[in-house]
Amino acid sequence: MKNTNSDRPQLLEMINITKTFPGERALDSVSFDLYSGEIHALVGENGAGKSTLIKILGGVYPQYDGEIKIRGELRHFRNVHHAVKTGVAIVFQELSLVQHLSAGENIFLGRAPSRFGILQWDELYSESSEVLKALGLDLDPRAKVAGLGAAQQQLIEIAKALSQKPSILVLDEPTAALTEAETAALFAILRKLRSQDIGIIYISHRLEEVFDISDRITVLRDGRTAGTEYTGKLNQDQVIARMVGRQISQIYPKRKRKPGETILEIRGLCAEDAAGTPVLEDVSFSLRRGEVLGIAGLMGAGRTELLMTIFGAWPGRISGEILIENRRVTITCPADAIACGMGFVTEDRKGSGLVLDQTVLSNMTLVALQEVSGRFITHQLREIAATEPLIGKLRIKAASRFTIANTLSGGTQQKLVLAKWLLSNPRILFLDEPTRGIDIGAKQEIYGIINDLAHSGMAVMVVSSELPEILGLSDRILIMHEGRLTGEFAREQATPEAVMACATGQSLRV
């Protein structure tokens, strides 16, 4: 049952917090509060000021205007350690685990129990095991982090925070790498923590989760507070309207297109991993010009493996046929796929989509550099001229084309990855989780871009874990389960129930 905060003590007050960076006011008189035993969601578009606010709370940014009170006492954190000692623990979206150390060593990193300067390993692993068990994580604390999955690493990060026995816990996009089952398990843990009077600040772009888990919602927009309300008094449309400053009547663009002839045909595609285990089995389908083909399925169904195999990026053994415009082609590496007119926006924009320490201009021209700039010598003026139309068309928000990619918001980074591939003029574009980790405003822009690309005749394949996204964008939907196609629907015939039935292994084609 969600809380209404009556008779609950106030843990935190952030009053008129203002933070200015050179040339930018990131926060302008933002106020936020948190009660004991409350889950308070903090939402807003990328760049709204959420991360800046929690970094001030966590002592990352000690210079700011305004006041912070913990249990009514005025506090000003000099650094992260000072905030932790006061009971504030933050789990950032970007994990900070040391990969070559064990789970237990990470949990007590910098705080390992010792006597007379000698590390007490038995005590470290015993206490780590207790924290992990409290999270419902059946894991040997001696296990190396590098060998663990993303979900387990996320829970270790939370265990690390809880080992500090905080009164205030901040979670920034904690479910980004979790499956639905893992998310449900995490929510059970958060509800248990709430019952223990821990105050939780929950940050997420997934509004379904926000409404499921939170007691109150505060919306930030353009560095200002756009309202705080009990969750039960709001709906998603109202929250979105506050986030973007306008009413949202239609998230997905209206489709006015008629797909053309088949451009890509896949026949009997099979793939194995390094151990020889099948990841794709006898996959056959076609893709038409001007069509958005959605690929749905649960985690591990083989969706990403399908795109990688077609694109020549899968490292294991493969077989089957790939035909482009009725002509069989051989694709053994991504360069072959690019030569065939393909582009691939991967699901990990930071790991494989962008060179984060390079500029907007350098990233945009990565794929098409030879055609745009020259075979032996780069010509920056040519690059600028070639990229300028896309910067405007995609509304890439950067101070200049020489801005470093790592400083951009998630939505802008995603559009930059798109721009990189569009500059190569592909006929076939693969999009793997194209809106993961970006806000609703940026999502709408991406949806509009996808719609425009298909309208112009480009063939688009979209993999997404968000079923409403697949249903809202696609002309046709394929469903995968354990490496096989188990369903195919025209958009008008697809229902969430039918898609989920196929995703769990019930074969059905309409």
Protein backbone atom coordinates (compact mmCIF):
# COMPACT_ATOMS: atom_id res chain seq x y z
CA MET A 1 0.00 0.00 0.00
CA LYS A 2 1.36 3.41 -0.94
CA ASN A 3 1.98 6.08 1.66
CA THR A 4 0.33 9.48 2.07
CA ASN A 5 3.07 10.69 4.50
CA SER A 6 0.60 11.56 7.25
CA ASP A 7 2.34 11.31 10.63
CA ARG A 8 5.65 10.40 8.94
CA PRO A 9 8.79 12.39 9.78
CA GLN A 10 10.36 14.45 7.03
CA LEU A 11 13.81 13.11 6.18
CA LEU A 12 14.99 15.56 3.55
CA GLU A 13 14.31 19.09 2.40
CA MET A 14 16.08 20.64 -0.58
CA ILE A 15 15.04 24.28 -0.69
CA ASN A 16 15.51 26.64 -3.67
CA ILE A 17 18.53 24.74 -4.99
CA THR A 18 20.29 26.67 -7.76
CA LYS A 19 23.34 25.45 -9.63
CA THR A 20 25.13 27.27 -12.43
CA PHE A 21 27.81 25.93 -14.72
CA PRO A 22 29.77 28.15 -17.12
CA GLY A 23 27.21 29.45 -19.59
CA GLU A 24 24.34 27.36 -18.22
CA ARG A 25 21.95 27.43 -15.25
CA ALA A 26 21.29 23.75 -14.63
CA LEU A 27 18.96 24.25 -11.64
CA ASP A 28 16.85 27.30 -10.87
CA SER A 29 15.32 27.39 -7.36
CA VAL A 30 14.38 23.70 -7.29
CA SER A 31 12.69 22.38 -4.15
CA PHE A 32 12.27 18.70 -3.28
CA ASP A 33 11.45 16.79 -0.10
CA LEU A 34 11.36 13.19 1.10
CA TYR A 35 9.62 11.47 4.01
CA SER A 36 10.63 8.46 6.04
CA GLY A 37 9.28 5.26 4.47
CA GLU A 38 8.46 6.95 1.15
CA ILE A 39 9.38 6.22 -2.45
CA HIS A 40 9.45 9.60 -4.17
CA ALA A 41 9.93 9.51 -7.95
CA LEU A 42 11.94 12.24 -9.66
CA VAL A 43 11.20 12.46 -13.38
CA GLY A 44 11.93 14.77 -16.28
CA GLU A 45 13.46 14.88 -19.72
CA ASN A 46 17.21 14.45 -20.20
CA GLY A 47 18.77 17.76 -19.29
CA ALA A 48 15.94 18.69 -16.91
CA GLY A 49 18.34 18.75 -13.94
CA LYS A 50 17.70 15.40 -12.20
CA SER A 51 21.32 14.25 -12.17
CA THR A 52 22.57 17.66 -11.05
CA LEU A 53 20.12 17.71 -8.15
CA ILE A 54 21.12 14.29 -6.82
CA LYS A 55 24.83 15.05 -7.29
CA ILE A 56 24.35 18.07 -5.05
CA LEU A 57 22.57 15.87 -2.51
CA GLY A 58 25.38 13.30 -2.76
CA GLY A 59 28.22 15.79 -2.28
CA VAL A 60 29.53 15.55 -5.85
CA TYR A 61 28.81 19.27 -6.39
CA PRO A 62 29.55 21.08 -3.10
CA GLN A 63 29.12 24.55 -4.63
CA TYR A 64 25.48 25.62 -5.05
CA ASP A 65 22.90 28.07 -3.75
CA GLY A 66 19.99 27.02 -1.54
CA GLU A 67 19.61 24.82 1.52
CA ILE A 68 19.61 21.12 2.34
CA LYS A 69 18.08 19.88 5.58
CA ILE A 70 18.34 16.32 6.89
CA ARG A 71 15.76 15.68 9.64
CA GLY A 72 15.42 19.43 10.02
CA GLU A 73 19.14 20.04 10.48
CA LEU A 74 20.91 22.25 7.94
CA ARG A 75 23.58 20.34 6.01
CA HIS A 76 26.14 21.25 3.36
CA PHE A 77 28.07 18.26 2.07
CA ARG A 78 31.71 18.93 1.29
CA ASN A 79 32.20 15.67 -0.63
CA VAL A 80 30.69 12.23 -1.29
CA HIS A 81 32.16 10.73 1.89
CA HIS A 82 30.53 13.47 3.98
CA ALA A 83 27.13 12.72 2.41
CA VAL A 84 27.51 8.96 2.98
CA LYS A 85 28.38 9.50 6.67
CA THR A 86 25.18 11.53 7.01
CA GLY A 87 23.10 8.67 5.63
CA VAL A 88 22.82 9.48 1.90
CA ALA A 89 23.62 6.64 -0.53
CA ILE A 90 23.32 7.05 -4.31
CA VAL A 91 23.33 4.32 -6.96
CA PHE A 92 24.14 6.12 -10.19
CA GLN A 93 23.03 4.93 -13.61
CA GLU A 94 26.65 4.36 -14.62
CA LEU A 95 27.88 1.50 -12.42
CA SER A 96 31.08 2.13 -10.46
CA LEU A 97 32.11 -1.45 -9.73
CA VAL A 98 35.73 -2.59 -10.03
CA GLN A 99 35.48 -5.50 -12.43
CA HIS A 100 38.53 -7.50 -11.31
CA LEU A 101 37.47 -7.46 -7.64
CA SER A 102 34.95 -9.76 -5.97
CA ALA A 103 31.37 -8.82 -5.13
CA GLY A 104 32.26 -8.56 -1.45
CA GLU A 105 35.30 -6.38 -2.10
CA ASN A 106 33.15 -4.04 -4.17
CA ILE A 107 30.44 -3.85 -1.52
CA PHE A 108 32.94 -2.73 1.12
CA LEU A 109 35.33 -0.89 -1.19
CA GLY A 110 37.20 1.69 0.87
CA ARG A 111 35.46 0.51 4.05
CA ALA A 112 36.79 -3.03 4.43
CA PRO A 113 36.89 -4.27 8.06
CA SER A 114 40.40 -4.44 9.46
CA ARG A 115 42.22 -4.80 12.78
CA PHE A 116 45.65 -3.29 13.38
CA GLY A 117 45.87 -2.63 9.65
CA ILE A 118 45.13 -6.26 8.70
CA LEU A 119 42.15 -6.88 6.43
CA GLN A 120 39.56 -9.21 7.97
CA TRP A 121 38.53 -11.26 4.95
CA ASP A 122 36.18 -13.62 6.78
CA GLU A 123 34.32 -10.68 8.28
CA LEU A 124 34.17 -8.90 4.91
CA TYR A 125 32.67 -11.89 3.12
CA SER A 126 30.33 -12.72 6.00
CA GLU A 127 28.89 -9.21 6.10
CA SER A 128 28.72 -9.08 2.29
CA SER A 129 26.78 -12.34 2.26
CA GLU A 130 24.24 -10.93 4.72
CA VAL A 131 23.68 -7.83 2.60
CA LEU A 132 23.30 -9.91 -0.57
CA LYS A 133 20.83 -12.28 1.11
CA ALA A 134 18.78 -9.29 2.29
CA LEU A 135 18.44 -8.35 -1.38
CA GLY A 136 17.39 -11.88 -2.26
CA LEU A 137 20.57 -12.36 -4.31
CA ASP A 138 21.93 -15.91 -4.04
CA LEU A 139 25.51 -15.06 -4.91
CA ASP A 140 28.91 -16.04 -3.54
CA PRO A 141 30.48 -12.76 -2.32
CA ARG A 142 33.83 -14.14 -3.51
CA ALA A 143 32.64 -14.20 -7.14
CA LYS A 144 34.46 -11.81 -9.45
CA VAL A 145 32.25 -9.00 -10.73
CA ALA A 146 33.61 -9.35 -14.27
CA GLY A 147 31.93 -12.74 -14.60
CA LEU A 148 28.49 -11.55 -13.54
CA GLY A 149 25.56 -10.36 -15.64
CA ALA A 150 24.32 -6.78 -15.81
CA ALA A 151 21.38 -7.46 -13.48
CA GLN A 152 23.60 -9.03 -10.80
CA GLN A 153 26.05 -6.14 -11.06
CA GLN A 154 23.18 -3.68 -10.63
CA LEU A 155 22.06 -5.45 -7.45
CA ILE A 156 25.63 -5.51 -6.13
CA GLU A 157 25.72 -1.74 -6.62
CA ILE A 158 22.52 -1.48 -4.57
CA ALA A 159 23.98 -3.86 -1.95
CA LYS A 160 27.03 -1.59 -1.77
CA ALA A 161 24.75 1.37 -1.04
CA LEU A 162 22.69 -0.53 1.55
CA SER A 163 25.81 -1.75 3.35
CA GLN A 164 26.34 1.89 4.32
CA LYS A 165 23.03 1.70 6.26
CA PRO A 166 21.56 4.83 4.68
CA SER A 167 18.39 6.61 5.71
CA ILE A 168 18.13 8.08 2.19
CA LEU A 169 18.67 5.86 -0.87
CA VAL A 170 18.79 7.33 -4.39
CA LEU A 171 18.37 5.01 -7.39
CA ASP A 172 19.10 6.45 -10.84
CA GLU A 173 17.57 4.30 -13.64
CA PRO A 174 18.04 1.08 -11.62
CA THR A 175 16.09 -1.16 -14.03
CA ALA A 176 17.76 -0.14 -17.30
CA ALA A 177 19.54 -3.51 -17.59
CA LEU A 178 16.93 -5.66 -15.80
CA THR A 179 14.31 -8.03 -17.18
CA GLU A 180 10.67 -7.79 -16.10
CA ALA A 181 11.17 -10.56 -13.55
CA GLU A 182 14.30 -8.91 -12.17
CA THR A 183 12.50 -5.58 -12.00
CA ALA A 184 9.65 -7.18 -10.07
CA ALA A 185 12.17 -8.67 -7.62
CA LEU A 186 13.84 -5.27 -7.19
CA PHE A 187 10.48 -3.63 -6.49
CA ALA A 188 9.77 -6.20 -3.79
CA ILE A 189 13.08 -5.22 -2.19
CA LEU A 190 12.26 -1.51 -2.42
CA ARG A 191 8.88 -2.04 -0.77
CA LYS A 192 10.62 -3.93 2.04
CA LEU A 193 13.08 -1.05 2.47
CA ARG A 194 10.17 1.40 2.53
CA SER A 195 8.58 -0.60 5.35
CA GLN A 196 11.87 -0.20 7.25
CA ASP A 197 11.43 3.61 7.06
CA ILE A 198 14.18 4.19 4.49
CA GLY A 199 13.36 7.11 2.21
CA ILE A 200 13.94 6.30 -1.47
CA ILE A 201 14.35 8.71 -4.37
CA TYR A 202 13.56 6.81 -7.57
CA ILE A 203 14.63 8.18 -10.96
CA SER A 204 13.38 6.52 -14.14
CA HIS A 205 12.23 7.27 -17.68
CA ARG A 206 9.87 4.30 -17.48
CA LEU A 207 6.64 5.88 -16.34
CA GLU A 208 4.91 2.51 -15.90
CA GLU A 209 7.47 1.72 -13.21
CA VAL A 210 7.11 5.14 -11.63
CA PHE A 211 3.36 4.66 -11.23
CA ASP A 212 3.84 1.12 -9.95
CA ILE A 213 6.39 1.84 -7.23
CA SER A 214 6.19 5.49 -6.13
CA ASP A 215 4.16 7.32 -3.49
CA ARG A 216 4.76 10.79 -4.91
CA ILE A 217 6.12 12.20 -8.16
CA THR A 218 8.12 15.38 -8.67
CA VAL A 219 8.63 16.60 -12.23
CA LEU A 220 11.59 18.73 -13.29
CA ARG A 221 11.53 20.72 -16.53
CA ASP A 222 14.34 22.92 -17.81
CA GLY A 223 15.99 23.07 -14.39
CA ARG A 224 12.84 24.08 -12.52
CA THR A 225 10.26 22.25 -10.44
CA ALA A 226 7.19 21.61 -12.60
CA GLY A 227 5.11 20.17 -9.76
CA THR A 228 4.89 17.56 -7.01
CA GLU A 229 1.82 15.38 -6.47
CA TYR A 230 0.73 12.08 -4.95
CA THR A 231 1.04 9.34 -7.57
CA GLY A 232 -2.59 8.30 -7.23
CA LYS A 233 -3.76 11.77 -8.28
CA LEU A 234 -1.90 11.71 -11.60
CA ASN A 235 -1.92 9.74 -14.83
CA GLN A 236 0.85 9.25 -17.37
CA ASP A 237 -0.47 11.87 -19.79
CA GLN A 238 -0.46 14.49 -17.04
CA VAL A 239 3.11 13.63 -16.03
CA ILE A 240 4.29 13.72 -19.65
CA ALA A 241 2.59 17.09 -20.17
CA ARG A 242 4.46 18.50 -17.17
CA MET A 243 7.74 17.01 -18.39
CA VAL A 244 7.58 18.47 -21.89
CA GLY A 245 5.42 21.54 -21.21
CA ARG A 246 2.60 20.56 -23.56
CA GLN A 247 -0.25 18.11 -23.79
CA ILE A 248 0.58 14.77 -25.38
CA SER A 249 -2.41 13.43 -27.30
CA GLN A 250 -0.49 11.09 -29.58
CA ILE A 251 2.91 9.69 -28.63
CA TYR A 252 3.40 7.71 -31.85
CA PRO A 253 3.20 9.40 -35.26
CA LYS A 254 0.27 8.66 -37.52
CA ARG A 255 1.37 6.38 -40.34
CA LYS A 256 0.44 7.36 -43.88
CA ARG A 257 2.57 5.05 -45.95
CA LYS A 258 2.27 1.94 -48.07
CA PRO A 259 5.28 -0.40 -48.03
CA GLY A 260 6.73 -1.26 -51.42
CA GLU A 261 8.52 -4.24 -52.87
CA THR A 262 10.71 -6.65 -50.88
CA ILE A 263 14.26 -5.39 -50.44
CA LEU A 264 15.62 -7.91 -47.88
CA GLU A 265 14.85 -11.60 -47.63
CA ILE A 266 16.22 -13.98 -45.01
CA ARG A 267 16.03 -17.74 -45.61
CA GLY A 268 16.78 -20.40 -42.99
CA LEU A 269 19.17 -18.26 -40.96
CA CYS A 270 20.95 -20.13 -38.16
CA ALA A 271 23.64 -18.98 -35.74
CA GLU A 272 25.64 -20.49 -32.89
CA ASP A 273 27.58 -18.99 -30.02
CA ALA A 274 31.25 -19.73 -29.32
CA ALA A 275 30.32 -22.94 -27.48
CA GLY A 276 28.26 -24.20 -30.42
CA THR A 277 24.89 -23.56 -28.76
CA PRO A 278 22.21 -22.39 -31.22
CA VAL A 279 21.09 -18.78 -30.79
CA LEU A 280 19.09 -18.61 -34.05
CA GLU A 281 17.27 -21.54 -35.63
CA ASP A 282 15.77 -21.55 -39.13
CA VAL A 283 14.72 -17.88 -39.18
CA SER A 284 13.04 -16.75 -42.41
CA PHE A 285 11.27 -13.47 -43.19
CA SER A 286 11.21 -10.54 -45.60
CA LEU A 287 11.43 -6.76 -45.29
CA ARG A 288 9.92 -4.25 -47.71
CA ARG A 289 10.87 -0.73 -48.74
CA GLY A 290 9.11 1.91 -46.68
CA GLU A 291 8.23 -0.60 -43.96
CA VAL A 292 8.88 -0.55 -40.22
CA LEU A 293 9.24 -4.19 -39.14
CA GLY A 294 9.12 -4.64 -35.36
CA ILE A 295 10.95 -7.51 -33.65
CA ALA A 296 9.43 -8.41 -30.27
CA GLY A 297 10.35 -11.03 -27.70
CA LEU A 298 11.61 -11.51 -24.18
CA MET A 299 15.23 -11.05 -23.08
CA GLY A 300 17.39 -13.79 -24.60
CA ALA A 301 14.95 -14.50 -27.42
CA GLY A 302 17.60 -13.83 -30.07
CA ARG A 303 16.49 -10.38 -31.29
CA THR A 304 19.88 -8.67 -31.06
CA GLU A 305 21.62 -11.81 -32.34
CA LEU A 306 19.37 -11.71 -35.40
CA LEU A 307 20.41 -8.16 -36.30
CA MET A 308 24.08 -8.86 -35.61
CA THR A 309 24.04 -12.00 -37.75
CA ILE A 310 22.47 -10.26 -40.75
CA PHE A 311 24.90 -7.36 -40.33
CA GLY A 312 27.96 -9.62 -40.23
CA ALA A 313 28.78 -8.78 -36.60
CA TRP A 314 27.98 -12.12 -34.97
CA PRO A 315 31.24 -13.91 -34.03
CA GLY A 316 29.90 -17.47 -34.05
CA ARG A 317 29.12 -19.92 -36.82
CA ILE A 318 26.22 -18.99 -39.10
CA SER A 319 24.34 -20.49 -42.06
CA GLY A 320 21.41 -19.56 -44.26
CA GLU A 321 20.78 -17.12 -47.09
CA ILE A 322 20.55 -13.33 -47.25
CA LEU A 323 19.03 -11.78 -50.38
CA ILE A 324 18.93 -8.09 -51.22
CA GLU A 325 16.65 -7.14 -54.11
CA ASN A 326 16.37 -10.86 -55.01
CA ARG A 327 20.15 -11.24 -55.23
CA ARG A 328 22.01 -13.46 -52.81
CA VAL A 329 24.77 -11.62 -50.96
CA THR A 330 27.61 -12.79 -48.74
CA ILE A 331 28.08 -10.76 -45.56
CA THR A 332 31.00 -11.84 -43.40
CA CYS A 333 31.68 -8.55 -41.62
CA PRO A 334 30.02 -5.17 -41.00
CA ALA A 335 31.96 -3.63 -43.91
CA ASP A 336 30.18 -6.06 -46.27
CA ALA A 337 26.82 -5.04 -44.77
CA ILE A 338 27.58 -1.35 -45.16
CA ALA A 339 28.59 -1.94 -48.79
CA CYS A 340 25.18 -3.60 -49.28
CA GLY A 341 23.44 -0.46 -48.01
CA MET A 342 22.81 -1.46 -44.39
CA GLY A 343 23.11 0.56 -41.19
CA PHE A 344 22.96 -0.68 -37.60
CA VAL A 345 22.17 1.47 -34.55
CA THR A 346 23.25 -0.84 -31.71
CA GLU A 347 21.56 -1.05 -28.31
CA ASP A 348 24.65 0.23 -26.47
CA ARG A 349 25.21 3.73 -27.81
CA LYS A 350 28.05 4.43 -25.37
CA GLY A 351 29.87 1.14 -25.78
CA SER A 352 29.57 0.53 -29.51
CA GLY A 353 27.62 3.42 -31.02
CA LEU A 354 29.82 6.44 -30.29
CA VAL A 355 33.41 7.40 -29.59
CA LEU A 356 32.57 9.35 -26.48
CA ASP A 357 35.77 11.40 -26.25
CA GLN A 358 35.41 12.61 -29.85
CA THR A 359 33.36 15.50 -31.22
CA VAL A 360 29.89 15.54 -32.71
CA LEU A 361 31.47 16.06 -36.14
CA SER A 362 33.92 13.17 -35.80
CA ASN A 363 31.19 10.78 -34.67
CA MET A 364 28.80 11.76 -37.44
CA THR A 365 31.36 11.06 -40.15
CA LEU A 366 32.73 7.77 -38.76
CA VAL A 367 30.95 5.48 -41.22
CA ALA A 368 30.97 7.72 -44.29
CA LEU A 369 34.32 9.46 -43.74
CA GLN A 370 35.90 8.23 -46.96
CA GLU A 371 32.96 9.35 -49.11
CA VAL A 372 32.45 12.65 -47.28
CA SER A 373 36.01 13.76 -46.65
CA GLY A 374 38.40 11.87 -48.91
CA ARG A 375 40.33 8.62 -49.11
CA PHE A 376 43.70 9.80 -47.77
CA ILE A 377 43.26 13.30 -46.36
CA THR A 378 40.36 14.56 -44.26
CA HIS A 379 38.69 17.80 -45.30
CA GLN A 380 36.95 19.34 -42.33
CA LEU A 381 35.01 21.88 -44.39
CA ARG A 382 33.53 19.06 -46.48
CA GLU A 383 32.59 17.20 -43.31
CA ILE A 384 30.90 20.29 -41.87
CA ALA A 385 28.97 20.87 -45.09
CA ALA A 386 27.85 17.23 -45.27
CA THR A 387 26.72 17.01 -41.64
CA GLU A 388 25.01 20.39 -41.32
CA PRO A 389 21.67 19.32 -42.89
CA LEU A 390 21.40 16.28 -40.57
CA ILE A 391 22.19 18.35 -37.47
CA GLY A 392 19.24 20.55 -38.35
CA LYS A 393 16.92 17.78 -39.50
CA LEU A 394 17.47 15.63 -36.42
CA ARG A 395 17.62 18.66 -34.12
CA ILE A 396 20.86 17.56 -32.51
CA LYS A 397 21.22 19.83 -29.49
CA ALA A 398 24.89 20.64 -29.03
CA ALA A 399 26.72 23.90 -28.43
CA SER A 400 28.68 23.28 -31.62
CA ARG A 401 29.69 20.49 -33.97
CA PHE A 402 32.95 20.33 -31.97
CA THR A 403 31.20 19.49 -28.69
CA ILE A 404 32.47 16.23 -27.14
CA ALA A 405 29.88 13.44 -27.41
CA ASN A 406 30.19 12.42 -23.75
CA THR A 407 28.80 15.79 -22.63
CA LEU A 408 25.53 15.39 -24.54
CA SER A 409 22.23 14.19 -23.11
CA GLY A 410 21.16 10.59 -23.75
CA GLY A 411 18.56 11.64 -26.30
CA THR A 412 21.04 13.76 -28.22
CA GLN A 413 23.60 10.96 -28.17
CA GLN A 414 21.01 8.60 -29.61
CA LYS A 415 20.21 11.03 -32.43
CA LEU A 416 23.95 11.38 -33.05
CA VAL A 417 24.25 7.61 -33.57
CA LEU A 418 21.33 7.78 -36.00
CA ALA A 419 22.97 10.66 -37.84
CA LYS A 420 26.20 8.67 -38.19
CA TRP A 421 24.38 5.95 -40.09
CA LEU A 422 22.07 8.22 -42.07
CA LEU A 423 25.10 10.02 -43.47
CA SER A 424 26.03 6.74 -45.20
CA ASN A 425 22.64 6.75 -47.02
CA PRO A 426 21.53 3.22 -46.08
CA ARG A 427 18.61 1.49 -47.78
CA ILE A 428 18.09 -0.84 -44.81
CA LEU A 429 18.39 0.38 -41.22
CA PHE A 430 18.50 -1.82 -38.10
CA LEU A 431 17.55 -0.15 -34.82
CA ASP A 432 18.24 -2.11 -31.62
CA GLU A 433 16.47 -0.54 -28.60
CA PRO A 434 16.54 2.92 -30.22
CA THR A 435 14.94 4.74 -27.25
CA ARG A 436 16.54 2.94 -24.29
CA GLY A 437 17.38 5.30 -21.45
CA ILE A 438 16.00 8.48 -23.03
CA ASP A 439 13.11 10.67 -21.94
CA ILE A 440 9.64 10.86 -23.46
CA GLY A 441 10.34 14.06 -25.41
CA ALA A 442 13.42 12.57 -27.05
CA LYS A 443 11.49 9.35 -27.68
CA GLN A 444 8.83 11.25 -29.61
CA GLU A 445 11.49 12.86 -31.74
CA ILE A 446 13.07 9.46 -32.49
CA TYR A 447 9.63 8.05 -33.36
CA GLY A 448 9.07 10.91 -35.79
CA ILE A 449 12.46 10.32 -37.40
CA ILE A 450 11.74 6.60 -37.84
CA ASN A 451 8.38 7.41 -39.39
CA ASP A 452 9.94 9.92 -41.79
CA LEU A 453 12.67 7.46 -42.82
CA ALA A 454 10.11 4.80 -43.67
CA HIS A 455 7.96 7.35 -45.49
CA SER A 456 11.00 8.23 -47.63
CA GLY A 457 11.30 4.56 -48.68
CA MET A 458 13.90 3.27 -46.24
CA ALA A 459 13.33 -0.24 -44.87
CA VAL A 460 13.57 -0.23 -41.06
CA MET A 461 13.80 -3.08 -38.55
CA VAL A 462 13.22 -2.15 -34.90
CA VAL A 463 14.03 -4.28 -31.86
CA SER A 464 12.45 -3.03 -28.64
CA SER A 465 11.70 -4.44 -25.20
CA GLU A 466 8.83 -1.97 -24.83
CA LEU A 467 5.75 -3.62 -26.29
CA PRO A 468 3.77 -0.34 -26.67
CA GLU A 469 6.69 0.97 -28.74
CA ILE A 470 6.62 -2.04 -31.06
CA LEU A 471 2.84 -1.81 -31.46
CA GLY A 472 2.92 1.95 -31.97
CA LEU A 473 5.71 2.08 -34.57
CA SER A 474 5.47 -1.07 -36.65
CA ASP A 475 3.63 -1.90 -39.86
CA ARG A 476 4.29 -5.57 -39.19
CA ILE A 477 5.56 -7.45 -36.13
CA LEU A 478 7.68 -10.60 -35.82
CA ILE A 479 7.92 -12.33 -32.44
CA MET A 480 10.89 -14.44 -31.34
CA HIS A 481 11.27 -17.08 -28.64
CA GLU A 482 14.51 -18.96 -27.93
CA GLY A 483 16.02 -18.13 -31.31
CA ARG A 484 12.95 -18.99 -33.40
CA LEU A 485 10.17 -16.96 -34.98
CA THR A 486 6.95 -17.88 -33.20
CA GLY A 487 4.58 -15.24 -34.54
CA GLU A 488 3.93 -12.69 -37.25
CA PHE A 489 1.20 -10.04 -37.22
CA ALA A 490 0.07 -7.12 -39.32
CA ARG A 491 -0.17 -4.05 -37.09
CA GLU A 492 -3.97 -4.03 -37.18
CA GLN A 493 -4.12 -7.62 -35.96
CA ALA A 494 -1.53 -7.41 -33.18
CA THR A 495 -2.63 -7.29 -29.55
CA PRO A 496 -0.45 -7.24 -26.44
CA GLU A 497 -1.94 -10.57 -25.38
CA ALA A 498 -1.23 -12.27 -28.72
CA VAL A 499 2.32 -10.91 -28.90
CA MET A 500 3.12 -12.03 -25.35
CA ALA A 501 1.68 -15.47 -26.04
CA CYS A 502 4.10 -15.88 -28.94
CA ALA A 503 6.96 -14.41 -26.92
CA THR A 504 6.50 -17.22 -24.39
CA GLY A 505 6.67 -19.92 -27.07
CA GLN A 506 3.14 -20.29 -28.42
CA SER A 507 3.52 -20.25 -32.21
CA LEU A 508 0.97 -18.19 -34.11
CA ARG A 509 1.09 -16.37 -37.45
CA VAL A 510 -1.73 -14.18 -38.80
